[in-house]
N, C-alpha and C. Protein backbone atom coordinates (compact mmCIF):
# COMPACT_ATOMS: atom_id res chain seq x y z
N UNK A 1 0.96 -1.10 0.30
CA UNK A 1 0.10 -0.16 0.14
C UNK A 1 0.99 1.35 0.13
N UNK A 2 0.82 2.41 -1.10
CA UNK A 2 1.10 3.20 -1.11
C UNK A 2 0.70 4.57 -0.61
N UNK A 3 0.80 5.18 0.57
CA UNK A 3 -0.15 6.50 0.82
C UNK A 3 0.96 7.84 0.63
N UNK A 4 0.43 8.72 0.33
CA UNK A 4 1.48 9.87 0.47
C UNK A 4 0.85 10.68 2.13
N UNK A 5 2.39 11.06 2.40
CA UNK A 5 2.45 11.41 4.35
C UNK A 5 1.30 12.67 4.37
N UNK A 6 1.24 13.35 3.29
CA UNK A 6 0.37 14.44 3.45
C UNK A 6 -1.15 14.09 3.78
N UNK A 7 -1.31 13.02 2.92
CA UNK A 7 -2.85 12.53 3.14
C UNK A 7 -2.78 11.41 4.50
N UNK A 8 -1.91 10.50 4.92
CA UNK A 8 -2.15 10.38 6.26
C UNK A 8 -1.88 10.75 6.91
N UNK A 9 -1.02 12.43 6.98
CA UNK A 9 -1.43 13.54 8.27
C UNK A 9 -2.52 13.88 8.13
N UNK A 10 -3.65 13.97 6.89
CA UNK A 10 -4.65 14.06 6.98
C UNK A 10 -5.95 13.08 7.97
N UNK A 11 -5.36 12.23 7.42
CA UNK A 11 -6.35 11.05 8.14
C UNK A 11 -5.90 11.19 9.69
N UNK A 12 -5.07 11.22 9.77
CA UNK A 12 -4.54 11.19 11.42
C UNK A 12 -5.17 12.35 11.99
N UNK A 13 -5.00 13.62 11.38
CA UNK A 13 -5.64 14.96 11.69
C UNK A 13 -7.75 14.19 12.00
N UNK A 14 -8.35 14.17 11.31
CA UNK A 14 -8.92 13.46 11.27
C UNK A 14 -9.64 12.62 12.59
N UNK A 15 -8.92 11.39 12.04
CA UNK A 15 -9.01 10.31 13.66
C UNK A 15 -8.64 11.43 14.79
N UNK A 16 -7.93 12.24 15.27
CA UNK A 16 -7.18 12.58 16.28
C UNK A 16 -7.70 12.13 17.52
N UNK A 17 -6.21 11.03 17.54
CA UNK A 17 -6.42 9.82 18.54
C UNK A 17 -6.54 10.25 20.06
N UNK A 18 -5.55 11.67 20.01
CA UNK A 18 -5.24 12.02 21.48
C UNK A 18 -6.07 13.15 21.51
N UNK A 19 -7.03 13.58 20.69
CA UNK A 19 -7.58 14.84 20.92
C UNK A 19 -6.65 16.70 20.60
N UNK A 20 -5.55 16.25 19.70
CA UNK A 20 -4.72 17.37 19.80
C UNK A 20 -5.23 18.13 19.05
N UNK A 21 -5.83 18.15 17.84
CA UNK A 21 -6.50 19.50 16.90
C UNK A 21 -7.57 20.01 17.25
N UNK A 22 -8.83 18.74 17.97
CA UNK A 22 -9.90 18.82 18.16
C UNK A 22 -9.33 20.48 19.58
N UNK A 23 -8.36 20.24 20.11
CA UNK A 23 -7.89 21.34 21.20
C UNK A 23 -6.90 22.62 20.80
N UNK A 24 -6.93 22.63 19.57
CA UNK A 24 -6.52 23.71 18.62
C UNK A 24 -5.22 23.43 18.09
N UNK A 25 -4.78 22.54 18.04
CA UNK A 25 -3.03 21.97 17.56
C UNK A 25 -3.14 22.17 16.17
N UNK A 26 -2.46 22.12 15.68
CA UNK A 26 -2.23 22.21 14.06
C UNK A 26 -2.43 20.99 13.26
N UNK A 27 -3.18 21.22 12.23
CA UNK A 27 -3.57 19.85 11.81
C UNK A 27 -2.11 18.88 11.06
N UNK A 28 -1.00 19.46 11.35
CA UNK A 28 -0.31 18.58 11.42
C UNK A 28 0.50 18.06 12.41
N UNK A 29 0.09 18.04 13.23
CA UNK A 29 -0.12 17.83 14.71
C UNK A 29 0.81 16.34 15.05
N UNK A 30 0.12 15.48 13.65
CA UNK A 30 0.59 14.20 13.82
C UNK A 30 1.44 13.42 12.77
N UNK A 31 2.62 14.65 12.64
CA UNK A 31 3.38 13.94 11.36
C UNK A 31 4.26 12.95 12.03
N UNK A 32 4.82 13.28 13.04
CA UNK A 32 5.69 12.16 13.31
C UNK A 32 5.23 10.54 13.73
N UNK A 33 4.08 10.84 13.96
CA UNK A 33 3.60 9.51 13.86
C UNK A 33 3.11 8.78 12.54
N UNK A 34 2.80 9.72 11.49
CA UNK A 34 3.06 9.39 10.04
C UNK A 34 3.86 9.10 9.88
N UNK A 35 4.79 9.64 9.69
CA UNK A 35 6.54 9.10 9.52
C UNK A 35 6.45 7.64 10.32
N UNK A 36 6.33 7.97 11.26
CA UNK A 36 6.63 5.97 12.12
C UNK A 36 5.80 5.42 11.36
N UNK A 37 4.64 5.48 10.71
CA UNK A 37 3.53 4.55 10.45
C UNK A 37 4.15 4.56 8.90
N UNK A 38 4.41 5.33 8.27
CA UNK A 38 5.58 4.82 6.86
C UNK A 38 6.08 4.26 6.85
N UNK A 39 6.88 4.06 8.20
CA UNK A 39 8.53 3.87 8.50
C UNK A 39 8.52 1.91 8.30
N UNK A 40 6.84 1.63 8.81
CA UNK A 40 6.41 0.22 9.58
C UNK A 40 6.87 -0.92 7.62
N UNK A 41 6.81 -1.80 7.78
CA UNK A 41 6.95 -2.81 6.91
C UNK A 41 5.74 -3.27 6.25
N UNK A 42 5.46 -3.17 5.18
CA UNK A 42 4.11 -3.79 4.77
C UNK A 42 2.93 -2.95 5.03
N UNK A 43 2.04 -3.98 5.26
CA UNK A 43 0.85 -3.04 5.59
C UNK A 43 0.73 -3.09 7.15
N UNK A 44 0.57 -1.91 7.65
CA UNK A 44 0.30 -1.71 9.24
C UNK A 44 -0.78 -2.54 9.60
N UNK A 45 -0.37 -3.31 10.82
CA UNK A 45 -1.62 -3.47 11.55
C UNK A 45 -2.09 -2.87 12.56
N UNK A 46 -3.33 -2.99 13.06
CA UNK A 46 -3.74 -2.26 13.93
C UNK A 46 -2.87 -2.24 15.23
N UNK A 47 -2.31 -3.14 15.86
CA UNK A 47 -1.31 -3.15 16.69
C UNK A 47 -0.21 -2.64 16.65
N UNK A 48 0.41 -2.05 14.96
CA UNK A 48 1.43 -1.15 14.73
C UNK A 48 1.05 0.20 15.10
N UNK A 49 -0.16 0.37 14.99
CA UNK A 49 -0.46 1.56 14.65
C UNK A 49 -0.94 2.25 15.87
N UNK A 50 -1.49 1.19 16.92
CA UNK A 50 -1.58 1.39 18.26
C UNK A 50 -0.69 1.66 19.11
N UNK A 51 0.39 1.12 18.64
CA UNK A 51 1.98 1.30 19.02
C UNK A 51 2.71 2.29 18.85
N UNK A 52 2.24 2.80 17.89
CA UNK A 52 3.20 4.17 16.96
C UNK A 52 2.32 5.21 18.26
N UNK A 53 1.40 5.23 18.48
CA UNK A 53 0.86 6.27 19.37
C UNK A 53 1.42 6.16 20.74
N UNK A 54 1.12 4.74 20.83
CA UNK A 54 1.54 4.18 22.31
C UNK A 54 2.83 4.89 22.78
N UNK A 55 3.81 4.87 21.97
CA UNK A 55 5.50 5.21 21.95
C UNK A 55 5.65 6.79 22.06
N UNK A 56 4.60 7.13 21.29
CA UNK A 56 4.71 8.64 20.93
C UNK A 56 4.03 9.49 22.15
N UNK A 57 3.03 8.66 22.72
CA UNK A 57 2.52 9.93 23.75
C UNK A 57 2.88 8.87 25.25
N UNK A 58 3.54 8.10 25.29
CA UNK A 58 4.09 7.11 26.79
C UNK A 58 2.66 6.90 27.23
N UNK A 59 1.76 6.29 25.93
CA UNK A 59 0.31 6.01 27.15
C UNK A 59 -0.07 4.82 26.01
N UNK A 60 -0.15 3.74 26.87
CA UNK A 60 -0.77 2.45 25.72
C UNK A 60 -1.99 2.79 25.21
N UNK A 61 -2.86 3.66 25.93
CA UNK A 61 -4.75 4.00 25.43
C UNK A 61 -4.39 4.83 24.44
N UNK A 62 -3.06 5.62 24.37
CA UNK A 62 -4.02 6.83 23.41
C UNK A 62 -4.38 6.54 21.84
N UNK A 63 -4.25 5.57 21.60
CA UNK A 63 -5.01 5.48 20.35
C UNK A 63 -5.85 3.76 19.91
N UNK A 64 -6.70 4.08 20.74
CA UNK A 64 -8.32 2.97 21.04
C UNK A 64 -8.10 2.33 19.58
N UNK A 65 -8.45 0.54 19.91
CA UNK A 65 -8.02 0.10 18.88
C UNK A 65 -9.32 0.25 17.35
N UNK A 66 -10.51 0.85 18.03
CA UNK A 66 -11.32 1.33 16.58
C UNK A 66 -10.66 2.62 15.88
N UNK A 67 -10.05 3.48 16.62
CA UNK A 67 -9.53 4.47 15.74
C UNK A 67 -8.09 4.13 15.06
N UNK A 68 -7.71 2.80 15.61
CA UNK A 68 -6.30 2.79 14.62
C UNK A 68 -7.17 1.70 13.62
N UNK A 69 -8.30 1.03 13.40
CA UNK A 69 -9.36 0.72 12.62
C UNK A 69 -9.62 1.10 11.73
N UNK A 70 -10.11 2.35 12.14
CA UNK A 70 -10.25 3.57 11.25
C UNK A 70 -9.61 4.13 10.23
N UNK A 71 -8.73 4.41 10.70
CA UNK A 71 -7.40 4.79 10.17
C UNK A 71 -6.68 4.04 9.15
N UNK A 72 -6.71 2.66 9.80
CA UNK A 72 -6.21 1.87 8.33
C UNK A 72 -7.35 1.52 7.52
N UNK A 73 -8.32 1.49 7.85
CA UNK A 73 -9.44 1.54 6.70
C UNK A 73 -9.50 2.90 5.38
N UNK A 74 -8.65 3.33 5.91
CA UNK A 74 -8.99 5.09 5.50
C UNK A 74 -7.52 4.81 4.73
N UNK A 75 -6.48 4.47 4.85
CA UNK A 75 -5.28 4.36 4.76
C UNK A 75 -5.12 3.13 3.10
N UNK A 76 -6.06 2.57 4.03
CA UNK A 76 -5.96 1.66 2.41
C UNK A 76 -7.21 2.28 1.27
N UNK A 77 -8.04 2.84 1.78
CA UNK A 77 -9.28 3.69 0.93
C UNK A 77 -8.33 4.50 0.14
N UNK A 78 -7.99 5.83 0.95
CA UNK A 78 -7.22 6.56 0.16
C UNK A 78 -5.40 6.46 -0.67
N UNK A 79 -5.12 5.20 -0.58
CA UNK A 79 -3.95 4.73 -1.00
C UNK A 79 -3.86 4.71 -2.17
N UNK A 80 -2.88 5.58 -3.33
CA UNK A 80 -2.44 5.96 -4.28
C UNK A 80 -1.97 4.63 -5.34
């Protein structure tokens, strides 16, 4: 699956797993997480996506599985 970095950043901003964008952070606030996800091998699993957020925010529950599922679905849907 190939997805553009900017598109993944948009997806993560829409998902807003930890509520940063909803609290006024810029839309590119999840750029580091997008880069980490893009650095994964193959199609990211839900565990890998939740793991990226767990590491970034030092919180294992930072990205709920349902949010990760939506992110993965949108990545697949929007991939070019």
